[in-house]
Every structure is written in structure tokens, then in C-alpha cells.
């Protein structure tokens, strides 16, 4: 394992892989952003996500952090329901906490209410979302490298990745073509009807997004061909939504429509700083 700033880099051989049938996970995964995916595509994407989580867990163990629990490790729905989050950071994952979360997912669905999320925090838990992304040839071209021959090449890749962002979906809508100001106007017109405008409206929408958000965001970039995993640190929800920004991330054939809240990866914290939460 190599640490460079807030980034942790692992090789494939350093990762402990979970024993979960990704076919079941993929079959019951909702198409939240890319419609019309084939089963093979869903399995491939689901496997990438689990590999990212495995890398995150393995990196945490290397710095003596054992209080992350994958949602898949304690769910009781036989993977039939869409997961409300990827995992939980909590000092004591008691049976009471497990039952509360599982019962809430069954009764309320995967989009957990503000009250449920607040109760999880009262238990001392922090929900975690891990976004995984493949490092393809274009990433290396933009970083100005062909392979990872030395630490200088790794640093060049990190410098390029630092130009990218932590990402998450807006609460009210996941598709469109708008910035934060236009998004707020849309939310006011369609949902709030509060008669607020300008900065007052933007602050109101920010509060709603913050209340409904995941607590901790992590992003992992994976170079499958070379077996490299770049864990780009983490960011808490307060920092993420400090100055809300919405952007459309365009990728032909995959993400022409989705919009995301974004925050620069360079503002992330190293994984060892998660110790301060528990």
C-alpha cells in the first residue's frame, strides 16, 4: 500500500475479496442512471463496485480501522431490495442497529427518510457511499503516462484524478441539464412552492439535500488491466455541500442525461482520518 497525500494506492494482490454472489446483487440493482443495461453489463458494473468496496475495506484494515461494515454483510433481504447505502462506519454494530436498518428498508424503501438517517447517527453510525470508476486508456493519456513504472507515474495519475470530483445524485431529480441555480428553481416550482427565491431558496434546497444525503462519500478509481486501486480519500456531507455545485457528466452511450452534485477530489481527507469519527 502506498499513500500519497489523501490518496491510498493498493495492488490487486493486497485486497481481501468478499464472498458475495454479484449475480444476485446485479439482478436486483435498480437502473439509477443508465437505462437499458444488459444483465452482463449490470454484473460487470456491480463487480466493479464490490471490488472498490473490497479495496476500501482492505485499506482501512491496513491502518487499523475495523469499524466499517458493508451493508451487504448484515442485510437480510436476500439481495432483493436496492441498497440504501454501501456501508456503515460505526463502533458497535449491535443487533438493535441491524434490525432497525433492515426493518426501515423493508417498510420505507431504500431512499431512507431523514428521521431514519438521524436515528442511525444517534446510534453513532455514519452511512457511506462509494463511487467506483474504471481507469481506461483515456485516463492514462490525459495523465501523460503509459503505465505505472515508478512513483512519478503514480503521482501523474493522481494529479490528473485531482481534476475530477466526488459525485452524488441530487435528491429531487437525477436527469436534466441545469446548474444549481436552475435546479433550485425547478425544485421550488415542482415541489417546495415556498415563494422563496435567490439565496434564500438556494439555502433551503441545500438544507434539504444535506438532510437527505449520505454522511461520507468515497471515490475509488480502478485500473483493471494493471491491478491498481486509487482510493481518493473521503469527504463528509457538510464539506460536500458547503458550496453546492451541479454538473452534467457527459459520456456517450452511458451518461448523456444524469446530473450530479460535485466537489473536488483534492479536498478529500486520507482514510486514516476516519479514526476521528468513532
C-alpha atoms as a PDB file:
ATOM      1  CA  UNK A   1       0.000   0.000   0.000  1.00  0.00           C
ATOM      2  CA  UNK A   2       1.241   3.466  -0.909  1.00  0.00           C
ATOM      3  CA  UNK A   3      -0.088   6.748   0.495  1.00  0.00           C
ATOM      4  CA  UNK A   4       0.306   9.988  -1.445  1.00  0.00           C
ATOM      5  CA  UNK A   5      -1.432  12.906   0.202  1.00  0.00           C
ATOM      6  CA  UNK A   6      -5.056  11.920   0.757  1.00  0.00           C
ATOM      7  CA  UNK A   7      -4.793   9.102  -1.813  1.00  0.00           C
ATOM      8  CA  UNK A   8      -4.223   5.438  -0.953  1.00  0.00           C
ATOM      9  CA  UNK A   9      -2.984   3.103  -3.697  1.00  0.00           C
ATOM     10  CA  UNK A  10      -3.297  -0.678  -3.470  1.00  0.00           C
ATOM     11  CA  UNK A  11      -2.323  -3.511  -5.766  1.00  0.00           C
ATOM     12  CA  UNK A  12      -4.854  -6.224  -6.553  1.00  0.00           C
ATOM     13  CA  UNK A  13      -2.866  -8.799  -4.545  1.00  0.00           C
ATOM     14  CA  UNK A  14      -3.247  -6.682  -1.376  1.00  0.00           C
ATOM     15  CA  UNK A  15      -7.050  -6.813  -1.413  1.00  0.00           C
ATOM     16  CA  UNK A  16      -9.216  -9.221   0.550  1.00  0.00           C
ATOM     17  CA  UNK A  17     -12.227 -10.061  -1.596  1.00  0.00           C
ATOM     18  CA  UNK A  18     -15.661 -10.658  -0.113  1.00  0.00           C
ATOM     19  CA  UNK A  19     -17.574 -13.835  -0.919  1.00  0.00           C
ATOM     20  CA  UNK A  20     -20.824 -12.480  -2.303  1.00  0.00           C
ATOM     21  CA  UNK A  21     -22.626 -13.644  -5.429  1.00  0.00           C
ATOM     22  CA  UNK A  22     -22.661 -10.468  -7.545  1.00  0.00           C
ATOM     23  CA  UNK A  23     -25.199 -12.090  -9.869  1.00  0.00           C
ATOM     24  CA  UNK A  24     -27.882 -11.716  -7.179  1.00  0.00           C
ATOM     25  CA  UNK A  25     -26.797  -8.146  -6.477  1.00  0.00           C
ATOM     26  CA  UNK A  26     -26.811  -7.211 -10.149  1.00  0.00           C
ATOM     27  CA  UNK A  27     -30.176  -8.826 -10.832  1.00  0.00           C
ATOM     28  CA  UNK A  28     -31.848  -6.683  -8.174  1.00  0.00           C
ATOM     29  CA  UNK A  29     -29.908  -3.463  -8.797  1.00  0.00           C
ATOM     30  CA  UNK A  30     -32.073  -0.583  -9.983  1.00  0.00           C
ATOM     31  CA  UNK A  31     -31.019   1.226 -13.162  1.00  0.00           C
ATOM     32  CA  UNK A  32     -30.476   4.530 -11.395  1.00  0.00           C
ATOM     33  CA  UNK A  33     -28.628   6.314 -14.190  1.00  0.00           C
ATOM     34  CA  UNK A  34     -28.096   4.162 -17.277  1.00  0.00           C
ATOM     35  CA  UNK A  35     -31.271   2.685 -18.705  1.00  0.00           C
ATOM     36  CA  UNK A  36     -31.328  -0.476 -20.756  1.00  0.00           C
ATOM     37  CA  UNK A  37     -28.230  -2.134 -19.325  1.00  0.00           C
ATOM     38  CA  UNK A  38     -27.954  -5.823 -20.145  1.00  0.00           C
ATOM     39  CA  UNK A  39     -27.551  -8.355 -17.341  1.00  0.00           C
ATOM     40  CA  UNK A  40     -23.899  -8.810 -18.338  1.00  0.00           C
ATOM     41  CA  UNK A  41     -23.309  -5.059 -18.106  1.00  0.00           C
ATOM     42  CA  UNK A  42     -25.003  -4.885 -14.708  1.00  0.00           C
ATOM     43  CA  UNK A  43     -22.891  -7.777 -13.413  1.00  0.00           C
ATOM     44  CA  UNK A  44     -19.727  -6.084 -14.699  1.00  0.00           C
ATOM     45  CA  UNK A  45     -20.653  -2.762 -13.061  1.00  0.00           C
ATOM     46  CA  UNK A  46     -21.724  -4.445  -9.816  1.00  0.00           C
ATOM     47  CA  UNK A  47     -18.474  -6.399  -9.669  1.00  0.00           C
ATOM     48  CA  UNK A  48     -16.503  -3.160 -10.107  1.00  0.00           C
ATOM     49  CA  UNK A  49     -18.428  -1.616  -7.228  1.00  0.00           C
ATOM     50  CA  UNK A  50     -17.731  -4.580  -4.945  1.00  0.00           C
ATOM     51  CA  UNK A  51     -14.053  -4.515  -5.899  1.00  0.00           C
ATOM     52  CA  UNK A  52     -13.944  -0.831  -4.930  1.00  0.00           C
ATOM     53  CA  UNK A  53     -15.529  -1.605  -1.568  1.00  0.00           C
ATOM     54  CA  UNK A  54     -13.141  -4.526  -1.017  1.00  0.00           C
ATOM     55  CA  UNK A  55     -10.226  -2.179  -1.711  1.00  0.00           C
ATOM     56  CA  UNK A  56     -11.628   0.384   0.727  1.00  0.00           C
ATOM     57  CA  UNK A  57     -12.065  -2.233   3.469  1.00  0.00           C
ATOM     58  CA  UNK A  58      -8.584  -3.657   2.857  1.00  0.00           C
ATOM     59  CA  UNK A  59      -7.027  -0.188   3.048  1.00  0.00           C
ATOM     60  CA  UNK A  60      -8.878   0.536   6.303  1.00  0.00           C
ATOM     61  CA  UNK A  61      -7.591  -2.686   7.846  1.00  0.00           C
ATOM     62  CA  UNK A  62      -4.024  -1.686   6.974  1.00  0.00           C
ATOM     63  CA  UNK A  63      -4.402   1.426   9.140  1.00  0.00           C
ATOM     64  CA  UNK A  64      -6.168  -0.496  11.938  1.00  0.00           C
ATOM     65  CA  UNK A  65      -9.688   0.686  11.187  1.00  0.00           C
ATOM     66  CA  UNK A  66     -12.158  -2.144  11.662  1.00  0.00           C
ATOM     67  CA  UNK A  67     -15.395  -0.255  12.174  1.00  0.00           C
ATOM     68  CA  UNK A  68     -16.609  -0.181   8.551  1.00  0.00           C
ATOM     69  CA  UNK A  69     -19.388  -2.673   7.817  1.00  0.00           C
ATOM     70  CA  UNK A  70     -20.636  -3.334   4.307  1.00  0.00           C
ATOM     71  CA  UNK A  71     -24.418  -3.164   4.050  1.00  0.00           C
ATOM     72  CA  UNK A  72     -24.254  -6.481   2.196  1.00  0.00           C
ATOM     73  CA  UNK A  73     -22.729  -8.101   5.304  1.00  0.00           C
ATOM     74  CA  UNK A  74     -25.786  -7.501   7.510  1.00  0.00           C
ATOM     75  CA  UNK A  75     -28.766  -7.095   5.176  1.00  0.00           C
ATOM     76  CA  UNK A  76     -31.481  -9.767   5.448  1.00  0.00           C
ATOM     77  CA  UNK A  77     -33.431  -9.323   2.205  1.00  0.00           C
ATOM     78  CA  UNK A  78     -31.513 -11.917   0.123  1.00  0.00           C
ATOM     79  CA  UNK A  79     -30.378  -9.002  -2.071  1.00  0.00           C
ATOM     80  CA  UNK A  80     -33.952  -8.419  -3.269  1.00  0.00           C
ATOM     81  CA  UNK A  81     -34.116  -4.705  -2.403  1.00  0.00           C
ATOM     82  CA  UNK A  82     -31.953  -1.877  -3.689  1.00  0.00           C
ATOM     83  CA  UNK A  83     -29.297  -0.926  -1.106  1.00  0.00           C
ATOM     84  CA  UNK A  84     -29.824   2.423   0.704  1.00  0.00           C
ATOM     85  CA  UNK A  85     -26.063   2.920   1.133  1.00  0.00           C
ATOM     86  CA  UNK A  86     -22.849   0.967   0.614  1.00  0.00           C
ATOM     87  CA  UNK A  87     -21.759   0.632   4.205  1.00  0.00           C
ATOM     88  CA  UNK A  88     -21.751   1.932   7.736  1.00  0.00           C
ATOM     89  CA  UNK A  89     -18.972   3.352   9.899  1.00  0.00           C
ATOM     90  CA  UNK A  90     -19.944   2.529  13.479  1.00  0.00           C
ATOM     91  CA  UNK A  91     -18.135   1.482  16.629  1.00  0.00           C
ATOM     92  CA  UNK A  92     -20.764  -1.011  17.755  1.00  0.00           C
ATOM     93  CA  UNK A  93     -22.878  -2.646  15.072  1.00  0.00           C
ATOM     94  CA  UNK A  94     -25.366  -4.120  17.502  1.00  0.00           C
ATOM     95  CA  UNK A  95     -28.305  -6.352  16.675  1.00  0.00           C
ATOM     96  CA  UNK A  96     -30.565  -3.409  17.541  1.00  0.00           C
ATOM     97  CA  UNK A  97     -28.924  -1.227  14.878  1.00  0.00           C
ATOM     98  CA  UNK A  98     -29.006  -4.015  12.283  1.00  0.00           C
ATOM     99  CA  UNK A  99     -32.694  -4.720  12.890  1.00  0.00           C
ATOM    100  CA  UNK A 100     -33.565  -1.026  12.781  1.00  0.00           C
ATOM    101  CA  UNK A 101     -31.871  -0.531   9.405  1.00  0.00           C
ATOM    102  CA  UNK A 102     -33.230  -3.718   7.820  1.00  0.00           C
ATOM    103  CA  UNK A 103     -36.769  -3.039   9.044  1.00  0.00           C
ATOM    104  CA  UNK A 104     -36.578   0.547   7.775  1.00  0.00           C
ATOM    105  CA  UNK A 105     -35.528  -0.584   4.297  1.00  0.00           C
ATOM    106  CA  UNK A 106     -38.422  -3.056   4.152  1.00  0.00           C
ATOM    107  CA  UNK A 107     -41.021  -0.588   5.421  1.00  0.00           C
ATOM    108  CA  UNK A 108     -39.818   2.658   3.832  1.00  0.00           C
ATOM    109  CA  UNK A 109     -37.781   1.546   0.824  1.00  0.00           C
ATOM    110  CA  UNK A 110     -34.105   2.208   0.051  1.00  0.00           C
ATOM    111  CA  UNK A 111     -34.482   6.002  -0.005  1.00  0.00           C
ATOM    112  CA  UNK A 112     -34.319   6.273   3.762  1.00  0.00           C
ATOM    113  CA  UNK A 113     -36.160   9.133   5.440  1.00  0.00           C
ATOM    114  CA  UNK A 114     -34.436  11.978   7.254  1.00  0.00           C
ATOM    115  CA  UNK A 115     -35.729  10.580  10.559  1.00  0.00           C
ATOM    116  CA  UNK A 116     -34.208   7.160   9.849  1.00  0.00           C
ATOM    117  CA  UNK A 117     -30.853   8.688   8.891  1.00  0.00           C
ATOM    118  CA  UNK A 118     -30.876  10.841  12.017  1.00  0.00           C
ATOM    119  CA  UNK A 119     -31.605   7.766  14.141  1.00  0.00           C
ATOM    120  CA  UNK A 120     -28.648   5.957  12.577  1.00  0.00           C
ATOM    121  CA  UNK A 121     -26.463   8.931  13.544  1.00  0.00           C
ATOM    122  CA  UNK A 122     -27.890   8.770  17.065  1.00  0.00           C
ATOM    123  CA  UNK A 123     -26.652   5.174  17.182  1.00  0.00           C
ATOM    124  CA  UNK A 124     -23.203   6.564  16.366  1.00  0.00           C
ATOM    125  CA  UNK A 125     -23.267   5.428  12.734  1.00  0.00           C
ATOM    126  CA  UNK A 126     -22.213   7.180   9.536  1.00  0.00           C
ATOM    127  CA  UNK A 127     -23.582   6.000   6.202  1.00  0.00           C
ATOM    128  CA  UNK A 128     -21.050   5.628   3.386  1.00  0.00           C
ATOM    129  CA  UNK A 129     -21.359   5.819  -0.401  1.00  0.00           C
ATOM    130  CA  UNK A 130     -18.527   4.506  -2.579  1.00  0.00           C
ATOM    131  CA  UNK A 131     -18.380   5.503  -6.239  1.00  0.00           C
ATOM    132  CA  UNK A 132     -16.237   3.271  -8.462  1.00  0.00           C
ATOM    133  CA  UNK A 133     -14.785   4.263 -11.837  1.00  0.00           C
ATOM    134  CA  UNK A 134     -12.682   2.330 -14.340  1.00  0.00           C
ATOM    135  CA  UNK A 135      -9.366   3.832 -15.363  1.00  0.00           C
ATOM    136  CA  UNK A 136      -9.336   3.401 -19.137  1.00  0.00           C
ATOM    137  CA  UNK A 137      -6.711   4.266 -21.716  1.00  0.00           C
ATOM    138  CA  UNK A 138      -8.014   7.828 -21.996  1.00  0.00           C
ATOM    139  CA  UNK A 139      -7.222   8.460 -18.325  1.00  0.00           C
ATOM    140  CA  UNK A 140      -3.598   7.471 -18.842  1.00  0.00           C
ATOM    141  CA  UNK A 141      -3.376   9.581 -21.979  1.00  0.00           C
ATOM    142  CA  UNK A 142      -4.670  12.616 -20.084  1.00  0.00           C
ATOM    143  CA  UNK A 143      -2.277  11.891 -17.219  1.00  0.00           C
ATOM    144  CA  UNK A 144       0.604  11.652 -19.696  1.00  0.00           C
ATOM    145  CA  UNK A 145       1.638   8.096 -18.827  1.00  0.00           C
ATOM    146  CA  UNK A 146       1.568   4.672 -20.477  1.00  0.00           C
ATOM    147  CA  UNK A 147       1.922   2.563 -17.340  1.00  0.00           C
ATOM    148  CA  UNK A 148       2.941   2.801 -13.674  1.00  0.00           C
ATOM    149  CA  UNK A 149       6.681   2.283 -13.936  1.00  0.00           C
ATOM    150  CA  UNK A 150       7.515   4.264 -10.809  1.00  0.00           C
ATOM    151  CA  UNK A 151       6.100   6.611  -8.184  1.00  0.00           C
ATOM    152  CA  UNK A 152       6.416   9.522 -10.601  1.00  0.00           C
ATOM    153  CA  UNK A 153       3.864   7.866 -12.907  1.00  0.00           C
ATOM    154  CA  UNK A 154       1.556   7.211  -9.958  1.00  0.00           C
ATOM    155  CA  UNK A 155       1.839  10.873  -8.976  1.00  0.00           C
ATOM    156  CA  UNK A 156       0.971  11.976 -12.519  1.00  0.00           C
ATOM    157  CA  UNK A 157      -2.160   9.843 -12.425  1.00  0.00           C
ATOM    158  CA  UNK A 158      -3.132  11.289  -9.046  1.00  0.00           C
ATOM    159  CA  UNK A 159      -2.603  14.828 -10.317  1.00  0.00           C
ATOM    160  CA  UNK A 160      -4.986  14.101 -13.178  1.00  0.00           C
ATOM    161  CA  UNK A 161      -7.542  12.433 -10.897  1.00  0.00           C
ATOM    162  CA  UNK A 162      -7.386  15.501  -8.660  1.00  0.00           C
ATOM    163  CA  UNK A 163      -9.007  17.445 -11.515  1.00  0.00           C
ATOM    164  CA  UNK A 164     -12.109  15.242 -11.069  1.00  0.00           C
ATOM    165  CA  UNK A 165     -14.753  15.168  -8.346  1.00  0.00           C
ATOM    166  CA  UNK A 166     -16.603  13.340  -5.638  1.00  0.00           C
ATOM    167  CA  UNK A 167     -20.097  12.852  -7.074  1.00  0.00           C
ATOM    168  CA  UNK A 168     -23.613  12.074  -5.905  1.00  0.00           C
ATOM    169  CA  UNK A 169     -27.115  12.409  -7.309  1.00  0.00           C
ATOM    170  CA  UNK A 170     -29.419  15.289  -6.357  1.00  0.00           C
ATOM    171  CA  UNK A 171     -32.304  14.315  -4.079  1.00  0.00           C
ATOM    172  CA  UNK A 172     -35.201  15.504  -6.230  1.00  0.00           C
ATOM    173  CA  UNK A 173     -34.177  14.532  -9.772  1.00  0.00           C
ATOM    174  CA  UNK A 174     -31.334  12.618 -11.394  1.00  0.00           C
ATOM    175  CA  UNK A 175     -31.605  13.730 -15.008  1.00  0.00           C
ATOM    176  CA  UNK A 176     -31.624  17.086 -16.704  1.00  0.00           C
ATOM    177  CA  UNK A 177     -29.433  19.889 -17.959  1.00  0.00           C
ATOM    178  CA  UNK A 178     -29.094  22.545 -15.272  1.00  0.00           C
ATOM    179  CA  UNK A 179     -26.753  24.224 -12.826  1.00  0.00           C
ATOM    180  CA  UNK A 180     -27.505  24.592  -9.117  1.00  0.00           C
ATOM    181  CA  UNK A 181     -29.477  27.813  -9.534  1.00  0.00           C
ATOM    182  CA  UNK A 182     -31.749  26.307 -12.181  1.00  0.00           C
ATOM    183  CA  UNK A 183     -32.080  23.128 -10.134  1.00  0.00           C
ATOM    184  CA  UNK A 184     -33.298  25.184  -7.162  1.00  0.00           C
ATOM    185  CA  UNK A 185     -35.825  26.966  -9.370  1.00  0.00           C
ATOM    186  CA  UNK A 186     -37.050  23.572 -10.619  1.00  0.00           C
ATOM    187  CA  UNK A 187     -37.375  22.229  -7.053  1.00  0.00           C
ATOM    188  CA  UNK A 188     -39.292  25.330  -5.958  1.00  0.00           C
ATOM    189  CA  UNK A 189     -41.673  25.104  -8.912  1.00  0.00           C
ATOM    190  CA  UNK A 190     -42.313  21.352  -8.725  1.00  0.00           C
ATOM    191  CA  UNK A 191     -42.030  20.520  -5.024  1.00  0.00           C
ATOM    192  CA  UNK A 192     -41.483  23.260  -2.452  1.00  0.00           C
ATOM    193  CA  UNK A 193     -43.778  26.113  -3.533  1.00  0.00           C
ATOM    194  CA  UNK A 194     -42.250  28.149  -0.690  1.00  0.00           C
ATOM    195  CA  UNK A 195     -42.253  31.504  -2.501  1.00  0.00           C
ATOM    196  CA  UNK A 196     -38.529  31.771  -1.741  1.00  0.00           C
ATOM    197  CA  UNK A 197     -36.058  32.870  -4.375  1.00  0.00           C
ATOM    198  CA  UNK A 198     -32.389  33.707  -4.864  1.00  0.00           C
ATOM    199  CA  UNK A 199     -30.029  32.931  -1.969  1.00  0.00           C
ATOM    200  CA  UNK A 200     -32.897  32.120   0.405  1.00  0.00           C
ATOM    201  CA  UNK A 201     -34.158  29.413  -1.955  1.00  0.00           C
ATOM    202  CA  UNK A 202     -30.655  28.068  -2.568  1.00  0.00           C
ATOM    203  CA  UNK A 203     -30.049  27.746   1.179  1.00  0.00           C
ATOM    204  CA  UNK A 204     -33.407  25.995   1.651  1.00  0.00           C
ATOM    205  CA  UNK A 205     -32.598  23.461  -1.085  1.00  0.00           C
ATOM    206  CA  UNK A 206     -29.089  22.983   0.315  1.00  0.00           C
ATOM    207  CA  UNK A 207     -30.568  22.117   3.720  1.00  0.00           C
ATOM    208  CA  UNK A 208     -32.890  19.532   2.167  1.00  0.00           C
ATOM    209  CA  UNK A 209     -30.028  17.973   0.202  1.00  0.00           C
ATOM    210  CA  UNK A 210     -27.861  17.916   3.336  1.00  0.00           C
ATOM    211  CA  UNK A 211     -30.599  16.333   5.466  1.00  0.00           C
ATOM    212  CA  UNK A 212     -31.185  13.577   2.919  1.00  0.00           C
ATOM    213  CA  UNK A 213     -27.579  12.904   1.973  1.00  0.00           C
ATOM    214  CA  UNK A 214     -25.200  10.097   2.844  1.00  0.00           C
ATOM    215  CA  UNK A 215     -22.729  11.057   5.604  1.00  0.00           C
ATOM    216  CA  UNK A 216     -19.441  10.044   3.971  1.00  0.00           C
ATOM    217  CA  UNK A 217     -18.503   9.952   0.282  1.00  0.00           C
ATOM    218  CA  UNK A 218     -15.621   7.898  -1.117  1.00  0.00           C
ATOM    219  CA  UNK A 219     -14.413   7.552  -4.704  1.00  0.00           C
ATOM    220  CA  UNK A 220     -12.250   4.703  -5.990  1.00  0.00           C
ATOM    221  CA  UNK A 221     -10.619   4.526  -9.428  1.00  0.00           C
ATOM    222  CA  UNK A 222      -9.676   1.063 -10.651  1.00  0.00           C
ATOM    223  CA  UNK A 223      -7.185   0.113 -13.341  1.00  0.00           C
ATOM    224  CA  UNK A 224      -8.310  -3.440 -14.088  1.00  0.00           C
ATOM    225  CA  UNK A 225      -5.506  -4.153 -16.584  1.00  0.00           C
ATOM    226  CA  UNK A 226      -2.720  -3.247 -14.154  1.00  0.00           C
ATOM    227  CA  UNK A 227      -4.456  -4.167 -10.908  1.00  0.00           C
ATOM    228  CA  UNK A 228      -4.167  -0.713  -9.350  1.00  0.00           C
ATOM    229  CA  UNK A 229      -6.742   0.799  -6.990  1.00  0.00           C
ATOM    230  CA  UNK A 230      -6.693   4.530  -6.249  1.00  0.00           C
ATOM    231  CA  UNK A 231      -8.775   5.379  -3.148  1.00  0.00           C
ATOM    232  CA  UNK A 232      -9.186   9.134  -3.420  1.00  0.00           C
ATOM    233  CA  UNK A 233      -9.813   9.747   0.265  1.00  0.00           C
ATOM    234  CA  UNK A 234     -13.223  10.719   1.643  1.00  0.00           C
ATOM    235  CA  UNK A 235     -15.374  13.762   2.251  1.00  0.00           C
ATOM    236  CA  UNK A 236     -18.121  14.441   4.780  1.00  0.00           C
ATOM    237  CA  UNK A 237     -21.519  15.707   3.674  1.00  0.00           C
ATOM    238  CA  UNK A 238     -21.105  19.148   5.269  1.00  0.00           C
ATOM    239  CA  UNK A 239     -17.984  19.815   3.222  1.00  0.00           C
ATOM    240  CA  UNK A 240     -19.525  18.277   0.118  1.00  0.00           C
ATOM    241  CA  UNK A 241     -22.493  20.659   0.208  1.00  0.00           C
ATOM    242  CA  UNK A 242     -20.629  23.693   1.572  1.00  0.00           C
ATOM    243  CA  UNK A 243     -20.961  25.457  -1.795  1.00  0.00           C
ATOM    244  CA  UNK A 244     -23.337  23.261  -3.833  1.00  0.00           C
ATOM    245  CA  UNK A 245     -22.416  22.719  -7.454  1.00  0.00           C
ATOM    246  CA  UNK A 246     -24.317  20.660 -10.006  1.00  0.00           C
ATOM    247  CA  UNK A 247     -22.752  19.436 -13.216  1.00  0.00           C
ATOM    248  CA  UNK A 248     -23.678  17.187 -16.087  1.00  0.00           C
ATOM    249  CA  UNK A 249     -21.058  14.480 -16.605  1.00  0.00           C
ATOM    250  CA  UNK A 250     -21.248  13.520 -20.242  1.00  0.00           C
ATOM    251  CA  UNK A 251     -20.227  10.112 -21.575  1.00  0.00           C
ATOM    252  CA  UNK A 252     -21.633   8.981 -24.922  1.00  0.00           C
ATOM    253  CA  UNK A 253     -23.713   5.827 -24.644  1.00  0.00           C
ATOM    254  CA  UNK A 254     -23.714   5.821 -20.855  1.00  0.00           C
ATOM    255  CA  UNK A 255     -24.397   9.137 -19.136  1.00  0.00           C
ATOM    256  CA  UNK A 256     -25.879  11.686 -21.501  1.00  0.00           C
ATOM    257  CA  UNK A 257     -28.719  12.552 -19.102  1.00  0.00           C
ATOM    258  CA  UNK A 258     -27.672  12.297 -15.416  1.00  0.00           C
ATOM    259  CA  UNK A 259     -26.702  15.324 -13.345  1.00  0.00           C
ATOM    260  CA  UNK A 260     -24.611  15.210 -10.178  1.00  0.00           C
ATOM    261  CA  UNK A 261     -23.612  17.296  -7.230  1.00  0.00           C
ATOM    262  CA  UNK A 262     -19.825  17.528  -7.431  1.00  0.00           C
ATOM    263  CA  UNK A 263     -16.976  18.513  -5.119  1.00  0.00           C
ATOM    264  CA  UNK A 264     -13.232  18.446  -5.997  1.00  0.00           C
ATOM    265  CA  UNK A 265     -11.377  15.265  -5.089  1.00  0.00           C
ATOM    266  CA  UNK A 266      -8.401  17.342  -3.994  1.00  0.00           C
ATOM    267  CA  UNK A 267     -10.449  18.429  -0.948  1.00  0.00           C
ATOM    268  CA  UNK A 268     -10.737  14.865   0.326  1.00  0.00           C
ATOM    269  CA  UNK A 269      -9.182  13.552   3.547  1.00  0.00           C
ATOM    270  CA  UNK A 270      -6.966  10.490   3.918  1.00  0.00           C
ATOM    271  CA  UNK A 271      -8.618   7.306   5.155  1.00  0.00           C
ATOM    272  CA  UNK A 272      -6.638   7.316   8.409  1.00  0.00           C
ATOM    273  CA  UNK A 273      -8.551  10.471   9.393  1.00  0.00           C
ATOM    274  CA  UNK A 274     -11.721   8.369   9.657  1.00  0.00           C
ATOM    275  CA  UNK A 275     -10.416   7.354  13.083  1.00  0.00           C
ATOM    276  CA  UNK A 276     -11.546  10.747  14.369  1.00  0.00           C
ATOM    277  CA  UNK A 277     -15.212   9.884  13.690  1.00  0.00           C
ATOM    278  CA  UNK A 278     -15.593   6.903  16.031  1.00  0.00           C
END
